[in-house]
Amino acid sequence: MIIGCGALGAVQAETLARAGVGRLTLVDRDFVEESNLQRQIMFEEADAALRLPKAVAAANRLRRVNSHVQVDPVVADVNFENVEDLIRGVAVVLDGTDNFETRFLINDAAIKLKVPWIYGAAVGSYGITMTVVPGRTPCLSCVMDVMPAAGSAPTCDTAGVLMPTVSIVASIQAAEAIKLITGKQDKLHGAIISVDVWDFHMSRIDISGLTDRSGCPVCGRGLYEYLRGSGRQVVTTLCGRDAVQIANSRAPEIDFSSLARQLEPLGEVTFNEFLLRFKVDGYDMTIFRDARSIIRGTSDPLVARNLYARYIGV
């Protein structure tokens, strides 16, 4: 299963389909836009013109690439209510997502259900990946004990991303998936792998020695807070206002100065000590210190969540 069919997910899916993986399930909540084409290799201008769901457009292409692979597109927002049903029984989950809330959610579900998963992220010229095998390796919560603050990290929309970065990270993820599928766990890299293609720097942090994981809230103590919804975004459509409110129950306070610097090249930004206002593509986003946001210009929760992930980054 590939969760997220954007930049990373596109490379993962095409690589695995061409390798002859028997069945691929593609999960994504978004649709294809022209701005995606720079980095999301499976999509074409025609997909953007039709505004096809990414999972559907990706499945259409993969069936043309290898008709022997069963490809199942799922157009859905992965959340604490459906994530266990989605990944239960799959051989491996690949992370093609664009936000940490979903990654921590996947980590909870994968550890609980004992499903291996492969974390990956790419932004600018930098990328990172690690492979999680429940019961054998550290999990995401072992190495990242708190979710980054909203607006504190760049996203593909605020900082851009170089396609070679995406290709390297997703190719490592796909290689790890093939090892897991073929039962070659002894060949897994057992590390946090990072790469910067601009300065051409690669690093490998060995995590195989982190054998005492009893203090980890997920793989050590089985708390699964994200599966209980304690870290979720609460999305509310504001009646009669063509607006959606998004609140994140665990988000730290936002640094408006830092967020404004990221957003200024993309649209109109103003802020004071209480809130930041960002206007882009006909949408008006008001972001508060506690990471709560009111997004005007849509009443669709999925559109609002996509905008929040693209520009706020959690």
C-alpha atoms as a PDB file:
ATOM      1  CA  MET A   1       0.000   0.000   0.000  1.00  0.00           C
ATOM      2  CA  ILE A   2       1.169   3.480  -0.910  1.00  0.00           C
ATOM      3  CA  ILE A   3      -0.375   6.289   1.127  1.00  0.00           C
ATOM      4  CA  GLY A   4      -0.043   9.533  -0.794  1.00  0.00           C
ATOM      5  CA  CYS A   5       0.283   9.545  -4.587  1.00  0.00           C
ATOM      6  CA  GLY A   6       2.186  12.794  -4.934  1.00  0.00           C
ATOM      7  CA  ALA A   7       5.892  13.166  -5.641  1.00  0.00           C
ATOM      8  CA  LEU A   8       7.244  10.283  -3.549  1.00  0.00           C
ATOM      9  CA  GLY A   9       4.237   8.035  -4.094  1.00  0.00           C
ATOM     10  CA  ALA A  10       4.427   8.411  -7.871  1.00  0.00           C
ATOM     11  CA  VAL A  11       8.015   7.138  -8.018  1.00  0.00           C
ATOM     12  CA  GLN A  12       7.300   4.370  -5.512  1.00  0.00           C
ATOM     13  CA  ALA A  13       4.235   3.159  -7.410  1.00  0.00           C
ATOM     14  CA  GLU A  14       5.798   3.149 -10.852  1.00  0.00           C
ATOM     15  CA  THR A  15       8.951   1.432  -9.578  1.00  0.00           C
ATOM     16  CA  LEU A  16       6.984  -1.329  -7.850  1.00  0.00           C
ATOM     17  CA  ALA A  17       4.575  -1.793 -10.756  1.00  0.00           C
ATOM     18  CA  ARG A  18       7.459  -2.192 -13.191  1.00  0.00           C
ATOM     19  CA  ALA A  19       9.087  -4.637 -10.757  1.00  0.00           C
ATOM     20  CA  GLY A  20       5.966  -6.801 -10.979  1.00  0.00           C
ATOM     21  CA  VAL A  21       4.524  -6.446  -7.487  1.00  0.00           C
ATOM     22  CA  GLY A  22       1.309  -8.449  -7.570  1.00  0.00           C
ATOM     23  CA  ARG A  23      -1.037  -5.919  -6.020  1.00  0.00           C
ATOM     24  CA  LEU A  24      -0.768  -2.207  -5.279  1.00  0.00           C
ATOM     25  CA  THR A  25      -3.306  -0.205  -3.308  1.00  0.00           C
ATOM     26  CA  LEU A  26      -2.998   3.548  -3.839  1.00  0.00           C
ATOM     27  CA  VAL A  27      -4.564   5.874  -1.267  1.00  0.00           C
ATOM     28  CA  ASP A  28      -4.830   9.626  -1.765  1.00  0.00           C
ATOM     29  CA  ARG A  29      -7.326  12.374  -0.904  1.00  0.00           C
ATOM     30  CA  ASP A  30      -6.225  14.951  -3.497  1.00  0.00           C
ATOM     31  CA  PHE A  31      -6.720  15.641  -7.215  1.00  0.00           C
ATOM     32  CA  VAL A  32      -4.188  16.461  -9.941  1.00  0.00           C
ATOM     33  CA  GLU A  33      -3.287  20.115 -10.517  1.00  0.00           C
ATOM     34  CA  GLU A  34      -0.952  21.616 -13.098  1.00  0.00           C
ATOM     35  CA  SER A  35       1.491  22.678 -10.375  1.00  0.00           C
ATOM     36  CA  ASN A  36       1.984  18.985  -9.505  1.00  0.00           C
ATOM     37  CA  LEU A  37       3.520  18.079 -12.861  1.00  0.00           C
ATOM     38  CA  GLN A  38       6.999  19.393 -12.034  1.00  0.00           C
ATOM     39  CA  ARG A  39       7.564  16.673  -9.441  1.00  0.00           C
ATOM     40  CA  GLN A  40       4.826  14.028  -9.734  1.00  0.00           C
ATOM     41  CA  ILE A  41       5.999  11.900 -12.624  1.00  0.00           C
ATOM     42  CA  MET A  42       2.902   9.776 -13.238  1.00  0.00           C
ATOM     43  CA  PHE A  43       0.591  12.655 -14.092  1.00  0.00           C
ATOM     44  CA  GLU A  44       0.049  14.537 -17.345  1.00  0.00           C
ATOM     45  CA  GLU A  45      -1.584  17.806 -18.394  1.00  0.00           C
ATOM     46  CA  ALA A  46      -4.738  15.900 -19.338  1.00  0.00           C
ATOM     47  CA  ASP A  47      -5.056  14.574 -15.764  1.00  0.00           C
ATOM     48  CA  ALA A  48      -4.811  18.121 -14.415  1.00  0.00           C
ATOM     49  CA  ALA A  49      -7.333  19.436 -16.936  1.00  0.00           C
ATOM     50  CA  LEU A  50      -9.824  16.762 -15.834  1.00  0.00           C
ATOM     51  CA  ARG A  51      -8.914  17.294 -12.149  1.00  0.00           C
ATOM     52  CA  LEU A  52      -8.761  13.520 -11.735  1.00  0.00           C
ATOM     53  CA  PRO A  53      -8.214  12.146  -8.229  1.00  0.00           C
ATOM     54  CA  LYS A  54      -4.532  11.320  -7.924  1.00  0.00           C
ATOM     55  CA  ALA A  55      -5.194   7.710  -6.917  1.00  0.00           C
ATOM     56  CA  VAL A  56      -7.365   7.195 -10.007  1.00  0.00           C
ATOM     57  CA  ALA A  57      -4.955   8.909 -12.423  1.00  0.00           C
ATOM     58  CA  ALA A  58      -2.044   6.911 -11.003  1.00  0.00           C
ATOM     59  CA  ALA A  59      -3.957   3.639 -11.287  1.00  0.00           C
ATOM     60  CA  ASN A  60      -4.841   4.392 -14.916  1.00  0.00           C
ATOM     61  CA  ARG A  61      -1.186   4.872 -15.789  1.00  0.00           C
ATOM     62  CA  LEU A  62       0.065   1.830 -13.889  1.00  0.00           C
ATOM     63  CA  ARG A  63      -2.431  -0.433 -15.637  1.00  0.00           C
ATOM     64  CA  ARG A  64      -0.912   0.711 -18.928  1.00  0.00           C
ATOM     65  CA  VAL A  65       2.602   0.175 -17.586  1.00  0.00           C
ATOM     66  CA  ASN A  66       2.000  -3.395 -16.355  1.00  0.00           C
ATOM     67  CA  SER A  67      -1.388  -4.984 -16.952  1.00  0.00           C
ATOM     68  CA  HIS A  68      -0.432  -7.982 -14.769  1.00  0.00           C
ATOM     69  CA  VAL A  69      -0.384  -5.868 -11.593  1.00  0.00           C
ATOM     70  CA  GLN A  70      -3.677  -5.431  -9.737  1.00  0.00           C
ATOM     71  CA  VAL A  71      -3.997  -1.738  -8.905  1.00  0.00           C
ATOM     72  CA  ASP A  72      -6.683  -0.596  -6.476  1.00  0.00           C
ATOM     73  CA  PRO A  73      -7.188   3.172  -6.157  1.00  0.00           C
ATOM     74  CA  VAL A  74      -8.735   4.473  -2.930  1.00  0.00           C
ATOM     75  CA  VAL A  75      -9.814   8.116  -2.907  1.00  0.00           C
ATOM     76  CA  ALA A  76      -9.887   8.809   0.817  1.00  0.00           C
ATOM     77  CA  ASP A  77      -8.494  10.974   3.564  1.00  0.00           C
ATOM     78  CA  VAL A  78      -6.467   8.729   5.881  1.00  0.00           C
ATOM     79  CA  ASN A  79      -7.514   9.403   9.461  1.00  0.00           C
ATOM     80  CA  PHE A  80      -7.758   7.722  12.839  1.00  0.00           C
ATOM     81  CA  GLU A  81     -11.139   6.216  11.977  1.00  0.00           C
ATOM     82  CA  ASN A  82     -10.095   4.366   8.802  1.00  0.00           C
ATOM     83  CA  VAL A  83      -6.329   3.832   8.910  1.00  0.00           C
ATOM     84  CA  GLU A  84      -6.458   0.400  10.569  1.00  0.00           C
ATOM     85  CA  ASP A  85      -9.025  -0.914   8.091  1.00  0.00           C
ATOM     86  CA  LEU A  86      -6.927   0.410   5.213  1.00  0.00           C
ATOM     87  CA  ILE A  87      -3.593  -1.176   6.124  1.00  0.00           C
ATOM     88  CA  ARG A  88      -4.751  -4.367   7.846  1.00  0.00           C
ATOM     89  CA  GLY A  89      -3.333  -7.371   5.991  1.00  0.00           C
ATOM     90  CA  VAL A  90      -1.018  -5.573   3.555  1.00  0.00           C
ATOM     91  CA  ALA A  91       2.610  -6.650   3.224  1.00  0.00           C
ATOM     92  CA  VAL A  92       4.146  -3.196   3.578  1.00  0.00           C
ATOM     93  CA  VAL A  93       3.061   0.455   3.681  1.00  0.00           C
ATOM     94  CA  LEU A  94       5.058   3.140   1.881  1.00  0.00           C
ATOM     95  CA  ASP A  95       4.853   6.734   3.054  1.00  0.00           C
ATOM     96  CA  GLY A  96       4.144   9.184   0.238  1.00  0.00           C
ATOM     97  CA  THR A  97       2.390  11.684   2.488  1.00  0.00           C
ATOM     98  CA  ASP A  98       3.021  15.393   2.959  1.00  0.00           C
ATOM     99  CA  ASN A  99       2.378  15.902   6.669  1.00  0.00           C
ATOM    100  CA  PHE A 100       3.504  14.567  10.036  1.00  0.00           C
ATOM    101  CA  GLU A 101       0.036  14.031  11.462  1.00  0.00           C
ATOM    102  CA  THR A 102      -0.598  11.264   8.917  1.00  0.00           C
ATOM    103  CA  ARG A 103       2.874   9.797   9.398  1.00  0.00           C
ATOM    104  CA  PHE A 104       2.441   9.485  13.157  1.00  0.00           C
ATOM    105  CA  LEU A 105      -0.981   7.979  12.535  1.00  0.00           C
ATOM    106  CA  ILE A 106       0.488   5.406  10.136  1.00  0.00           C
ATOM    107  CA  ASN A 107       3.193   4.639  12.689  1.00  0.00           C
ATOM    108  CA  ASP A 108       0.604   3.917  15.397  1.00  0.00           C
ATOM    109  CA  ALA A 109      -1.492   1.682  13.143  1.00  0.00           C
ATOM    110  CA  ALA A 110       1.473  -0.164  11.643  1.00  0.00           C
ATOM    111  CA  ILE A 111       2.990  -0.937  15.047  1.00  0.00           C
ATOM    112  CA  LYS A 112      -0.373  -2.074  16.438  1.00  0.00           C
ATOM    113  CA  LEU A 113      -1.103  -4.316  13.426  1.00  0.00           C
ATOM    114  CA  LYS A 114       2.540  -5.436  13.002  1.00  0.00           C
ATOM    115  CA  VAL A 115       2.748  -4.159   9.423  1.00  0.00           C
ATOM    116  CA  PRO A 116       6.156  -2.879   8.210  1.00  0.00           C
ATOM    117  CA  TRP A 117       6.186   0.676   6.866  1.00  0.00           C
ATOM    118  CA  ILE A 118       8.748   2.928   5.222  1.00  0.00           C
ATOM    119  CA  TYR A 119       8.882   6.586   6.197  1.00  0.00           C
ATOM    120  CA  GLY A 120      10.063   9.143   3.657  1.00  0.00           C
ATOM    121  CA  ALA A 121      10.080  12.898   3.126  1.00  0.00           C
ATOM    122  CA  ALA A 122      11.554  15.273   0.571  1.00  0.00           C
ATOM    123  CA  VAL A 123      11.591  19.067   0.386  1.00  0.00           C
ATOM    124  CA  GLY A 124      13.941  21.415  -1.398  1.00  0.00           C
ATOM    125  CA  SER A 125      17.137  19.485  -2.050  1.00  0.00           C
ATOM    126  CA  TYR A 126      16.879  17.433   1.154  1.00  0.00           C
ATOM    127  CA  GLY A 127      15.301  14.031   1.719  1.00  0.00           C
ATOM    128  CA  ILE A 128      15.146  11.429   4.484  1.00  0.00           C
ATOM    129  CA  THR A 129      13.862   7.876   4.930  1.00  0.00           C
ATOM    130  CA  MET A 130      13.799   5.048   7.461  1.00  0.00           C
ATOM    131  CA  THR A 131      12.241   1.604   7.505  1.00  0.00           C
ATOM    132  CA  VAL A 132      10.129   0.457  10.442  1.00  0.00           C
ATOM    133  CA  VAL A 133       9.637  -3.266  11.115  1.00  0.00           C
ATOM    134  CA  PRO A 134       7.410  -3.759  14.191  1.00  0.00           C
ATOM    135  CA  GLY A 135       9.129  -5.751  16.904  1.00  0.00           C
ATOM    136  CA  ARG A 136      12.503  -5.508  15.217  1.00  0.00           C
ATOM    137  CA  THR A 137      13.412  -1.853  14.593  1.00  0.00           C
ATOM    138  CA  PRO A 138      12.794   1.499  16.273  1.00  0.00           C
ATOM    139  CA  CYS A 139       9.599   3.225  15.134  1.00  0.00           C
ATOM    140  CA  LEU A 140       9.042   6.849  14.132  1.00  0.00           C
ATOM    141  CA  SER A 141       8.149   7.826  17.699  1.00  0.00           C
ATOM    142  CA  CYS A 142      11.440   6.364  18.956  1.00  0.00           C
ATOM    143  CA  VAL A 143      13.478   8.799  16.873  1.00  0.00           C
ATOM    144  CA  MET A 144      11.026  11.734  16.753  1.00  0.00           C
ATOM    145  CA  ASP A 145       9.295  11.965  20.094  1.00  0.00           C
ATOM    146  CA  VAL A 146       7.176  15.025  19.242  1.00  0.00           C
ATOM    147  CA  MET A 147       5.525  16.200  16.047  1.00  0.00           C
ATOM    148  CA  PRO A 148       7.179  19.337  14.586  1.00  0.00           C
ATOM    149  CA  ALA A 149       5.328  22.558  15.322  1.00  0.00           C
ATOM    150  CA  ALA A 150       2.875  23.743  12.661  1.00  0.00           C
ATOM    151  CA  GLY A 151       4.566  26.115  10.237  1.00  0.00           C
ATOM    152  CA  SER A 152       8.057  25.305  11.543  1.00  0.00           C
ATOM    153  CA  ALA A 153       9.135  23.111   8.633  1.00  0.00           C
ATOM    154  CA  PRO A 154       9.158  23.980   4.926  1.00  0.00           C
ATOM    155  CA  THR A 155       6.823  22.161   2.547  1.00  0.00           C
ATOM    156  CA  CYS A 156       6.984  21.464  -1.182  1.00  0.00           C
ATOM    157  CA  ASP A 157       4.679  24.439  -1.743  1.00  0.00           C
ATOM    158  CA  THR A 158       6.603  26.886   0.450  1.00  0.00           C
ATOM    159  CA  ALA A 159      10.136  25.760  -0.420  1.00  0.00           C
ATOM    160  CA  GLY A 160       9.753  23.715  -3.593  1.00  0.00           C
ATOM    161  CA  VAL A 161      11.432  20.379  -4.201  1.00  0.00           C
ATOM    162  CA  LEU A 162      13.987  19.111  -6.679  1.00  0.00           C
ATOM    163  CA  MET A 163      12.823  16.052  -8.569  1.00  0.00           C
ATOM    164  CA  PRO A 164      16.195  14.270  -8.123  1.00  0.00           C
ATOM    165  CA  THR A 165      15.658  14.457  -4.346  1.00  0.00           C
ATOM    166  CA  VAL A 166      12.273  12.808  -4.719  1.00  0.00           C
ATOM    167  CA  SER A 167      13.672  10.131  -7.014  1.00  0.00           C
ATOM    168  CA  ILE A 168      16.470   9.156  -4.630  1.00  0.00           C
ATOM    169  CA  VAL A 169      14.300   8.948  -1.506  1.00  0.00           C
ATOM    170  CA  ALA A 170      11.438   7.114  -3.222  1.00  0.00           C
ATOM    171  CA  SER A 171      13.853   4.690  -4.907  1.00  0.00           C
ATOM    172  CA  ILE A 172      15.376   3.780  -1.539  1.00  0.00           C
ATOM    173  CA  GLN A 173      11.856   3.272  -0.158  1.00  0.00           C
ATOM    174  CA  ALA A 174      10.924   1.046  -3.102  1.00  0.00           C
ATOM    175  CA  ALA A 175      14.106  -0.995  -2.720  1.00  0.00           C
ATOM    176  CA  GLU A 176      13.347  -1.549   0.962  1.00  0.00           C
ATOM    177  CA  ALA A 177       9.788  -2.582   0.069  1.00  0.00           C
ATOM    178  CA  ILE A 178      11.078  -5.164  -2.395  1.00  0.00           C
ATOM    179  CA  LYS A 179      13.353  -6.605   0.306  1.00  0.00           C
ATOM    180  CA  LEU A 180      10.402  -6.905   2.686  1.00  0.00           C
ATOM    181  CA  ILE A 181       8.099  -8.430   0.069  1.00  0.00           C
ATOM    182  CA  THR A 182      10.709 -11.031  -0.889  1.00  0.00           C
ATOM    183  CA  GLY A 183      11.542 -11.932   2.709  1.00  0.00           C
ATOM    184  CA  LYS A 184      15.048 -10.439   2.733  1.00  0.00           C
ATOM    185  CA  GLN A 185      14.822  -8.479   5.966  1.00  0.00           C
ATOM    186  CA  ASP A 186      18.513  -9.111   6.626  1.00  0.00           C
ATOM    187  CA  LYS A 187      19.262  -6.783   3.701  1.00  0.00           C
ATOM    188  CA  LEU A 188      17.347  -3.781   5.088  1.00  0.00           C
ATOM    189  CA  HIS A 189      19.630  -0.773   5.602  1.00  0.00           C
ATOM    190  CA  GLY A 190      18.720  -0.409   9.316  1.00  0.00           C
ATOM    191  CA  ALA A 191      19.366   3.316   9.406  1.00  0.00           C
ATOM    192  CA  ILE A 192      18.042   6.824   8.974  1.00  0.00           C
ATOM    193  CA  ILE A 193      19.231   7.763   5.503  1.00  0.00           C
ATOM    194  CA  SER A 194      19.388  11.441   4.530  1.00  0.00           C
ATOM    195  CA  VAL A 195      20.544  13.110   1.331  1.00  0.00           C
ATOM    196  CA  ASP A 196      21.088  16.652   0.107  1.00  0.00           C
ATOM    197  CA  VAL A 197      21.434  16.619  -3.664  1.00  0.00           C
ATOM    198  CA  TRP A 198      22.416  20.291  -3.912  1.00  0.00           C
ATOM    199  CA  ASP A 199      25.507  19.986  -1.705  1.00  0.00           C
ATOM    200  CA  PHE A 200      25.707  16.279  -2.562  1.00  0.00           C
ATOM    201  CA  HIS A 201      25.861  15.114   1.001  1.00  0.00           C
ATOM    202  CA  MET A 202      24.563  11.751   2.177  1.00  0.00           C
ATOM    203  CA  SER A 203      24.498  10.432   5.728  1.00  0.00           C
ATOM    204  CA  ARG A 204      23.586   7.183   7.397  1.00  0.00           C
ATOM    205  CA  ILE A 205      22.661   7.076  11.091  1.00  0.00           C
ATOM    206  CA  ASP A 206      22.670   3.481  12.267  1.00  0.00           C
ATOM    207  CA  ILE A 207      19.644   2.822  14.502  1.00  0.00           C
ATOM    208  CA  SER A 208      20.004  -0.946  14.721  1.00  0.00           C
ATOM    209  CA  GLY A 209      21.566  -0.580  18.163  1.00  0.00           C
ATOM    210  CA  LEU A 210      18.468   1.038  19.665  1.00  0.00           C
ATOM    211  CA  THR A 211      17.283  -2.200  21.193  1.00  0.00           C
ATOM    212  CA  ASP A 212      15.761  -0.819  24.407  1.00  0.00           C
ATOM    213  CA  ARG A 213      12.487   0.696  23.224  1.00  0.00           C
ATOM    214  CA  SER A 214      10.557   0.230  26.462  1.00  0.00           C
ATOM    215  CA  GLY A 215      10.187   3.989  26.911  1.00  0.00           C
ATOM    216  CA  CYS A 216       8.638   4.595  23.498  1.00  0.00           C
ATOM    217  CA  PRO A 217       4.923   5.423  23.874  1.00  0.00           C
ATOM    218  CA  VAL A 218       4.082   3.479  20.707  1.00  0.00           C
ATOM    219  CA  CYS A 219       6.262   0.400  20.237  1.00  0.00           C
ATOM    220  CA  GLY A 220       7.283   0.231  23.891  1.00  0.00           C
ATOM    221  CA  ARG A 221       4.076   1.006  25.762  1.00  0.00           C
ATOM    222  CA  GLY A 222       1.383   0.578  23.094  1.00  0.00           C
ATOM    223  CA  LEU A 223      -0.416   3.849  23.848  1.00  0.00           C
ATOM    224  CA  TYR A 224      -1.361   4.636  20.191  1.00  0.00           C
ATOM    225  CA  GLU A 225      -2.510   8.173  20.968  1.00  0.00           C
ATOM    226  CA  TYR A 226      -2.987   9.099  17.309  1.00  0.00           C
ATOM    227  CA  LEU A 227      -5.273   6.117  16.754  1.00  0.00           C
ATOM    228  CA  ARG A 228      -7.454   7.448  19.558  1.00  0.00           C
ATOM    229  CA  GLY A 229      -7.676  10.768  17.748  1.00  0.00           C
ATOM    230  CA  SER A 230      -5.779  12.760  20.358  1.00  0.00           C
ATOM    231  CA  GLY A 231      -3.459  14.273  17.756  1.00  0.00           C
ATOM    232  CA  ARG A 232      -6.048  14.768  15.066  1.00  0.00           C
ATOM    233  CA  GLN A 233      -7.100  17.821  13.144  1.00  0.00           C
ATOM    234  CA  VAL A 234     -10.674  18.756  14.004  1.00  0.00           C
ATOM    235  CA  VAL A 235     -12.344  20.034  10.834  1.00  0.00           C
ATOM    236  CA  THR A 236     -15.558  22.049  10.997  1.00  0.00           C
ATOM    237  CA  THR A 237     -17.485  23.540   8.078  1.00  0.00           C
ATOM    238  CA  LEU A 238     -18.698  27.000   9.121  1.00  0.00           C
ATOM    239  CA  CYS A 239     -22.312  27.250   8.069  1.00  0.00           C
ATOM    240  CA  GLY A 240     -23.143  30.069   5.660  1.00  0.00           C
ATOM    241  CA  ARG A 241     -19.586  31.435   5.561  1.00  0.00           C
ATOM    242  CA  ASP A 242     -17.964  29.412   2.725  1.00  0.00           C
ATOM    243  CA  ALA A 243     -15.238  28.591   5.209  1.00  0.00           C
ATOM    244  CA  VAL A 244     -13.728  25.649   7.083  1.00  0.00           C
ATOM    245  CA  GLN A 245     -12.032  25.719  10.472  1.00  0.00           C
ATOM    246  CA  ILE A 246      -9.136  23.347  11.178  1.00  0.00           C
ATOM    247  CA  ALA A 247      -7.889  22.871  14.719  1.00  0.00           C
ATOM    248  CA  ASN A 248      -5.013  20.629  15.760  1.00  0.00           C
ATOM    249  CA  SER A 249      -5.358  19.457  19.337  1.00  0.00           C
ATOM    250  CA  ARG A 250      -1.626  18.838  19.873  1.00  0.00           C
ATOM    251  CA  ALA A 251       0.025  21.569  17.812  1.00  0.00           C
ATOM    252  CA  PRO A 252       2.531  23.846  19.590  1.00  0.00           C
ATOM    253  CA  GLU A 253       2.296  27.616  19.161  1.00  0.00           C
ATOM    254  CA  ILE A 254       3.147  28.966  15.716  1.00  0.00           C
ATOM    255  CA  ASP A 255       6.062  31.334  15.125  1.00  0.00           C
ATOM    256  CA  PHE A 256       4.374  33.893  12.869  1.00  0.00           C
ATOM    257  CA  SER A 257       7.625  35.556  11.776  1.00  0.00           C
ATOM    258  CA  SER A 258       9.070  32.274  10.530  1.00  0.00           C
ATOM    259  CA  LEU A 259       5.844  31.212   8.822  1.00  0.00           C
ATOM    260  CA  ALA A 260       5.475  34.624   7.165  1.00  0.00           C
ATOM    261  CA  ARG A 261       8.954  34.334   5.630  1.00  0.00           C
ATOM    262  CA  GLN A 262       7.993  30.998   4.086  1.00  0.00           C
ATOM    263  CA  LEU A 263       4.670  32.237   2.722  1.00  0.00           C
ATOM    264  CA  GLU A 264       5.584  35.726   1.445  1.00  0.00           C
ATOM    265  CA  PRO A 265       6.902  34.506  -1.946  1.00  0.00           C
ATOM    266  CA  LEU A 266       3.598  32.685  -2.562  1.00  0.00           C
ATOM    267  CA  GLY A 267       0.896  35.208  -1.722  1.00  0.00           C
ATOM    268  CA  GLU A 268      -0.195  38.145   0.403  1.00  0.00           C
ATOM    269  CA  VAL A 269       0.818  37.855   4.072  1.00  0.00           C
ATOM    270  CA  THR A 270       0.009  40.082   7.039  1.00  0.00           C
ATOM    271  CA  PHE A 271       0.277  39.272  10.742  1.00  0.00           C
ATOM    272  CA  ASN A 272       0.160  40.691  14.231  1.00  0.00           C
ATOM    273  CA  GLU A 273       0.761  39.164  17.644  1.00  0.00           C
ATOM    274  CA  PHE A 274      -2.559  37.318  17.536  1.00  0.00           C
ATOM    275  CA  LEU A 275      -2.956  35.924  14.002  1.00  0.00           C
ATOM    276  CA  LEU A 276      -1.486  35.609  10.527  1.00  0.00           C
ATOM    277  CA  ARG A 277      -3.495  36.108   7.338  1.00  0.00           C
ATOM    278  CA  PHE A 278      -2.453  34.542   4.039  1.00  0.00           C
ATOM    279  CA  LYS A 279      -4.199  34.988   0.694  1.00  0.00           C
ATOM    280  CA  VAL A 280      -3.417  32.654  -2.207  1.00  0.00           C
ATOM    281  CA  ASP A 281      -5.300  31.416  -5.298  1.00  0.00           C
ATOM    282  CA  GLY A 282      -8.610  32.878  -4.172  1.00  0.00           C
ATOM    283  CA  TYR A 283      -8.394  31.410  -0.649  1.00  0.00           C
ATOM    284  CA  ASP A 284      -8.034  33.455   2.535  1.00  0.00           C
ATOM    285  CA  MET A 285      -6.341  31.625   5.403  1.00  0.00           C
ATOM    286  CA  THR A 286      -6.339  33.026   8.933  1.00  0.00           C
ATOM    287  CA  ILE A 287      -3.930  31.180  11.230  1.00  0.00           C
ATOM    288  CA  PHE A 288      -3.949  31.619  15.006  1.00  0.00           C
ATOM    289  CA  ARG A 289      -1.165  31.074  17.557  1.00  0.00           C
ATOM    290  CA  ASP A 290      -2.496  27.644  18.518  1.00  0.00           C
ATOM    291  CA  ALA A 291      -2.281  26.508  14.843  1.00  0.00           C
ATOM    292  CA  ARG A 292      -6.049  26.762  14.428  1.00  0.00           C
ATOM    293  CA  SER A 293      -6.937  28.073  10.976  1.00  0.00           C
ATOM    294  CA  ILE A 294     -10.054  29.393   9.268  1.00  0.00           C
ATOM    295  CA  ILE A 295      -9.869  28.884   5.518  1.00  0.00           C
ATOM    296  CA  ARG A 296     -12.286  31.004   3.498  1.00  0.00           C
ATOM    297  CA  GLY A 297     -13.158  30.300  -0.109  1.00  0.00           C
ATOM    298  CA  THR A 298     -14.241  26.688   0.307  1.00  0.00           C
ATOM    299  CA  SER A 299     -16.766  24.661   2.279  1.00  0.00           C
ATOM    300  CA  ASP A 300     -15.088  21.357   1.366  1.00  0.00           C
ATOM    301  CA  PRO A 301     -13.138  19.865   4.318  1.00  0.00           C
ATOM    302  CA  LEU A 302     -10.796  17.930   1.986  1.00  0.00           C
ATOM    303  CA  VAL A 303      -9.849  21.094   0.086  1.00  0.00           C
ATOM    304  CA  ALA A 304      -9.236  22.858   3.398  1.00  0.00           C
ATOM    305  CA  ARG A 305      -7.057  20.023   4.738  1.00  0.00           C
ATOM    306  CA  ASN A 306      -5.005  20.013   1.536  1.00  0.00           C
ATOM    307  CA  LEU A 307      -4.428  23.768   1.786  1.00  0.00           C
ATOM    308  CA  TYR A 308      -3.478  23.430   5.454  1.00  0.00           C
ATOM    309  CA  ALA A 309      -0.983  20.654   4.689  1.00  0.00           C
ATOM    310  CA  ARG A 310       0.489  22.541   1.711  1.00  0.00           C
ATOM    311  CA  TYR A 311       1.100  25.849   3.452  1.00  0.00           C
ATOM    312  CA  ILE A 312       1.144  25.200   7.196  1.00  0.00           C
ATOM    313  CA  GLY A 313       2.809  21.818   6.904  1.00  0.00           C
ATOM    314  CA  VAL A 314       1.211  19.600   9.558  1.00  0.00           C
END
